N, C-alpha and C. Protein backbone atom coordinates (compact mmCIF):
# COMPACT_ATOMS: atom_id res chain seq x y z
N MET A 1 -1.42 -20.48 48.98
CA MET A 1 -2.36 -19.32 49.12
C MET A 1 -3.48 -19.42 48.24
N ASN A 2 -4.54 -19.33 48.65
CA ASN A 2 -5.90 -19.48 47.97
C ASN A 2 -6.16 -18.12 47.38
N ILE A 3 -7.26 -18.13 46.53
CA ILE A 3 -7.46 -16.72 45.95
C ILE A 3 -8.02 -15.81 46.73
N ASP A 4 -8.77 -16.08 47.84
CA ASP A 4 -9.37 -14.99 48.85
C ASP A 4 -8.17 -14.35 49.63
N GLU A 5 -7.23 -15.22 50.00
CA GLU A 5 -5.91 -14.63 50.63
C GLU A 5 -5.10 -13.79 49.82
N TYR A 6 -4.90 -14.14 48.49
CA TYR A 6 -4.20 -13.27 47.51
C TYR A 6 -4.90 -12.07 47.22
N MET A 7 -6.10 -12.11 46.96
CA MET A 7 -6.87 -10.84 46.65
C MET A 7 -6.83 -9.89 47.82
N MET A 8 -7.18 -10.48 49.21
CA MET A 8 -7.06 -9.51 50.18
C MET A 8 -5.55 -8.91 50.57
N LYS A 9 -4.55 -9.68 50.19
CA LYS A 9 -3.14 -9.12 50.39
C LYS A 9 -2.65 -8.33 49.31
N ASN A 10 -3.19 -8.56 48.07
CA ASN A 10 -2.73 -7.55 46.82
C ASN A 10 -3.70 -6.80 46.33
N PHE A 11 -4.92 -7.10 46.37
CA PHE A 11 -6.00 -6.07 46.11
C PHE A 11 -7.16 -5.80 47.09
N PRO A 12 -6.90 -5.38 48.17
CA PRO A 12 -7.70 -5.44 49.55
C PRO A 12 -9.04 -4.83 49.13
N SER A 13 -9.35 -3.74 48.43
CA SER A 13 -10.37 -3.15 48.18
C SER A 13 -11.14 -3.44 46.69
N LEU A 14 -10.48 -4.37 46.09
CA LEU A 14 -11.13 -4.81 44.58
C LEU A 14 -12.19 -5.96 44.96
N SER A 15 -13.23 -5.84 44.24
CA SER A 15 -14.35 -6.63 44.45
C SER A 15 -14.45 -7.34 42.94
N LEU A 16 -14.37 -8.64 42.94
CA LEU A 16 -14.42 -9.46 41.47
C LEU A 16 -15.97 -9.48 41.15
N GLU A 17 -16.25 -8.45 40.54
CA GLU A 17 -17.68 -8.57 39.72
C GLU A 17 -17.70 -7.51 38.77
N PRO A 18 -18.54 -7.58 37.85
CA PRO A 18 -18.58 -6.72 36.56
C PRO A 18 -18.73 -5.39 36.93
N PRO A 19 -18.24 -4.34 36.40
CA PRO A 19 -17.35 -4.35 35.38
C PRO A 19 -16.02 -4.34 36.12
N LEU A 20 -15.46 -5.54 36.23
CA LEU A 20 -14.04 -5.74 36.68
C LEU A 20 -13.16 -4.78 36.20
N PHE A 21 -12.94 -4.45 35.25
CA PHE A 21 -11.87 -3.66 34.36
C PHE A 21 -12.11 -2.07 35.23
N TYR A 22 -13.07 -1.67 35.30
CA TYR A 22 -13.40 -0.37 35.85
C TYR A 22 -13.36 -0.32 37.43
N ASN A 23 -13.18 -1.38 38.15
CA ASN A 23 -13.29 -1.48 39.64
C ASN A 23 -11.90 -1.32 40.44
N TRP A 24 -10.95 -1.00 39.67
CA TRP A 24 -9.30 -1.05 40.05
C TRP A 24 -8.85 0.34 39.34
N ASN A 25 -7.98 1.01 40.07
CA ASN A 25 -7.59 2.29 39.29
C ASN A 25 -6.40 2.03 38.20
N ILE A 26 -5.99 0.69 38.11
CA ILE A 26 -5.07 0.22 37.01
C ILE A 26 -5.71 -0.91 36.20
N GLY A 27 -5.62 -0.86 35.08
CA GLY A 27 -6.10 -2.14 34.38
C GLY A 27 -5.74 -1.94 32.84
N ILE A 28 -5.58 -3.14 32.10
CA ILE A 28 -5.30 -3.32 30.84
C ILE A 28 -6.38 -4.21 30.35
N ARG A 29 -7.08 -3.83 29.12
CA ARG A 29 -8.06 -4.58 28.76
C ARG A 29 -7.64 -4.93 27.11
N PHE A 30 -8.15 -6.35 26.76
CA PHE A 30 -7.69 -6.79 25.62
C PHE A 30 -8.91 -7.21 24.88
N GLU A 31 -9.19 -6.92 23.83
CA GLU A 31 -10.31 -7.51 22.87
C GLU A 31 -9.77 -8.54 22.24
N LEU A 32 -10.37 -9.84 22.68
CA LEU A 32 -9.84 -11.15 22.21
C LEU A 32 -10.48 -11.51 20.93
N GLY A 33 -11.88 -10.99 20.75
CA GLY A 33 -12.37 -11.46 19.56
C GLY A 33 -12.91 -10.30 18.95
N ASP A 34 -13.16 -10.30 17.52
CA ASP A 34 -13.91 -9.31 16.69
C ASP A 34 -15.27 -9.23 16.88
N PRO A 35 -15.81 -8.19 17.72
CA PRO A 35 -17.29 -8.33 18.21
C PRO A 35 -18.31 -8.39 16.84
N ASN A 36 -17.81 -8.00 15.59
CA ASN A 36 -18.43 -7.93 14.30
C ASN A 36 -18.23 -9.13 13.59
N GLU A 37 -17.68 -10.18 14.10
CA GLU A 37 -17.34 -11.50 13.42
C GLU A 37 -18.77 -12.28 13.59
N GLU A 38 -19.37 -12.70 12.62
CA GLU A 38 -20.64 -13.34 12.56
C GLU A 38 -20.37 -14.85 12.51
N ASN A 39 -19.17 -15.27 12.43
CA ASN A 39 -18.87 -16.90 12.33
C ASN A 39 -18.42 -17.35 13.78
N ASP A 40 -19.08 -17.92 14.29
CA ASP A 40 -18.72 -18.30 15.84
C ASP A 40 -17.35 -19.07 15.70
N GLU A 41 -17.10 -20.00 14.67
CA GLU A 41 -15.88 -20.70 14.65
C GLU A 41 -14.63 -19.89 14.52
N ILE A 42 -14.69 -19.05 13.63
CA ILE A 42 -13.88 -17.76 13.21
C ILE A 42 -13.54 -16.99 14.48
N TYR A 43 -14.48 -16.55 15.27
CA TYR A 43 -14.42 -15.79 16.33
C TYR A 43 -13.56 -16.54 17.66
N MET A 44 -14.12 -17.75 17.84
CA MET A 44 -13.34 -18.48 18.72
C MET A 44 -12.00 -18.92 18.56
N ASP A 45 -11.77 -19.28 17.35
CA ASP A 45 -10.27 -19.44 16.87
C ASP A 45 -9.28 -18.31 17.29
N ARG A 46 -9.97 -17.22 16.83
CA ARG A 46 -9.18 -15.88 16.95
C ARG A 46 -9.03 -15.52 18.59
N VAL A 47 -10.12 -15.73 19.57
CA VAL A 47 -10.10 -15.51 20.96
C VAL A 47 -8.91 -16.49 21.49
N LEU A 48 -9.02 -17.87 20.92
CA LEU A 48 -7.99 -18.73 21.49
C LEU A 48 -6.69 -18.19 21.20
N LYS A 49 -6.33 -18.17 19.91
CA LYS A 49 -5.22 -17.56 19.45
C LYS A 49 -4.48 -16.31 20.26
N ARG A 50 -5.48 -15.45 20.41
CA ARG A 50 -5.10 -14.06 21.04
C ARG A 50 -4.80 -14.45 22.52
N GLY A 51 -5.65 -15.21 23.22
CA GLY A 51 -5.41 -15.47 24.61
C GLY A 51 -4.26 -16.21 24.83
N LYS A 52 -3.75 -17.27 23.96
CA LYS A 52 -2.62 -17.90 24.25
C LYS A 52 -1.26 -17.04 24.05
N THR A 53 -1.43 -16.37 22.83
CA THR A 53 -0.29 -15.28 22.60
C THR A 53 -0.07 -14.40 23.85
N LEU A 54 -1.12 -13.80 24.36
CA LEU A 54 -1.02 -12.98 25.57
C LEU A 54 -0.47 -13.83 26.84
N LEU A 55 -1.13 -14.57 27.17
CA LEU A 55 -0.42 -15.55 28.16
C LEU A 55 0.89 -15.70 27.96
N HIS A 56 1.38 -16.59 26.84
CA HIS A 56 2.75 -16.96 26.80
C HIS A 56 3.68 -15.66 26.70
N THR A 57 3.37 -14.51 26.32
CA THR A 57 4.04 -13.25 26.00
C THR A 57 4.46 -12.67 27.54
N LEU A 58 3.26 -12.66 28.31
CA LEU A 58 3.26 -11.97 29.83
C LEU A 58 3.85 -12.81 30.53
N HIS A 59 3.86 -14.01 30.91
CA HIS A 59 4.01 -14.94 31.73
C HIS A 59 5.25 -15.92 31.49
N LYS A 60 5.94 -16.25 32.42
CA LYS A 60 7.10 -17.36 32.24
C LYS A 60 6.60 -18.62 32.81
N LYS A 61 7.21 -19.60 32.29
CA LYS A 61 6.79 -20.93 32.74
C LYS A 61 6.87 -21.16 34.13
N GLY A 62 6.09 -21.68 34.87
CA GLY A 62 6.15 -21.62 36.47
C GLY A 62 5.67 -20.36 37.09
N ASP A 63 5.14 -19.33 36.45
CA ASP A 63 4.64 -18.34 37.06
C ASP A 63 3.19 -18.72 37.71
N GLU A 64 2.81 -18.43 38.87
CA GLU A 64 1.57 -18.59 39.37
C GLU A 64 0.73 -17.49 38.94
N ILE A 65 -0.49 -17.79 38.40
CA ILE A 65 -1.44 -16.61 37.87
C ILE A 65 -2.91 -17.05 38.29
N PHE A 66 -3.73 -15.95 38.51
CA PHE A 66 -5.31 -16.18 38.60
C PHE A 66 -5.71 -15.39 37.32
N ILE A 67 -6.76 -16.28 36.91
CA ILE A 67 -7.37 -15.58 35.62
C ILE A 67 -8.80 -15.50 36.01
N VAL A 68 -9.28 -14.23 35.64
CA VAL A 68 -10.48 -14.01 35.88
C VAL A 68 -11.16 -13.49 34.76
N CYS A 69 -12.34 -14.16 34.28
CA CYS A 69 -12.90 -13.98 32.92
C CYS A 69 -14.49 -13.41 33.38
N PHE A 70 -14.89 -12.61 32.41
CA PHE A 70 -16.22 -12.19 32.40
C PHE A 70 -16.78 -12.48 30.99
N PHE A 71 -17.89 -13.22 31.13
CA PHE A 71 -18.55 -13.92 29.92
C PHE A 71 -19.79 -12.94 29.52
N ASP A 72 -19.94 -11.89 28.49
CA ASP A 72 -20.98 -11.39 28.19
C ASP A 72 -21.81 -12.07 27.42
N GLN A 73 -22.79 -12.67 27.96
CA GLN A 73 -23.80 -13.42 27.17
C GLN A 73 -25.10 -12.81 26.74
N LEU A 74 -24.97 -11.41 26.84
CA LEU A 74 -25.93 -10.80 26.31
C LEU A 74 -25.93 -10.31 24.86
N HIS A 75 -24.64 -10.63 24.42
CA HIS A 75 -24.18 -10.30 23.11
C HIS A 75 -23.83 -11.37 22.38
N ARG A 76 -23.48 -12.32 22.78
CA ARG A 76 -22.87 -13.50 22.04
C ARG A 76 -23.42 -14.89 22.65
N LYS A 77 -23.88 -15.99 21.85
CA LYS A 77 -24.16 -17.03 22.32
C LYS A 77 -22.97 -17.83 22.87
N PRO A 78 -23.13 -18.56 23.95
CA PRO A 78 -22.00 -19.48 24.22
C PRO A 78 -21.35 -20.42 23.25
N PHE A 79 -20.19 -20.31 23.03
CA PHE A 79 -19.61 -21.35 22.18
C PHE A 79 -19.64 -22.86 22.53
N LYS A 80 -20.27 -23.86 21.48
CA LYS A 80 -20.24 -25.07 21.86
C LYS A 80 -19.39 -26.01 21.20
């Protein structure tokens, strides 16, 4: 099943556009990085660690998942 079929079957009225978190009646939001962190390397290390922890805690090996990300480039430069 591709993502369009999956979305129509499971979330028929959800549009994948910002603010995604507020476009559905149920949602869980996680802050992966400290928005006040000034050091980009420390910020991205924390984001990676928290993201991996969430992924491994919430899903079993072999689960099929779709990950949707919104990158807020207005507040932080992309990590290189």
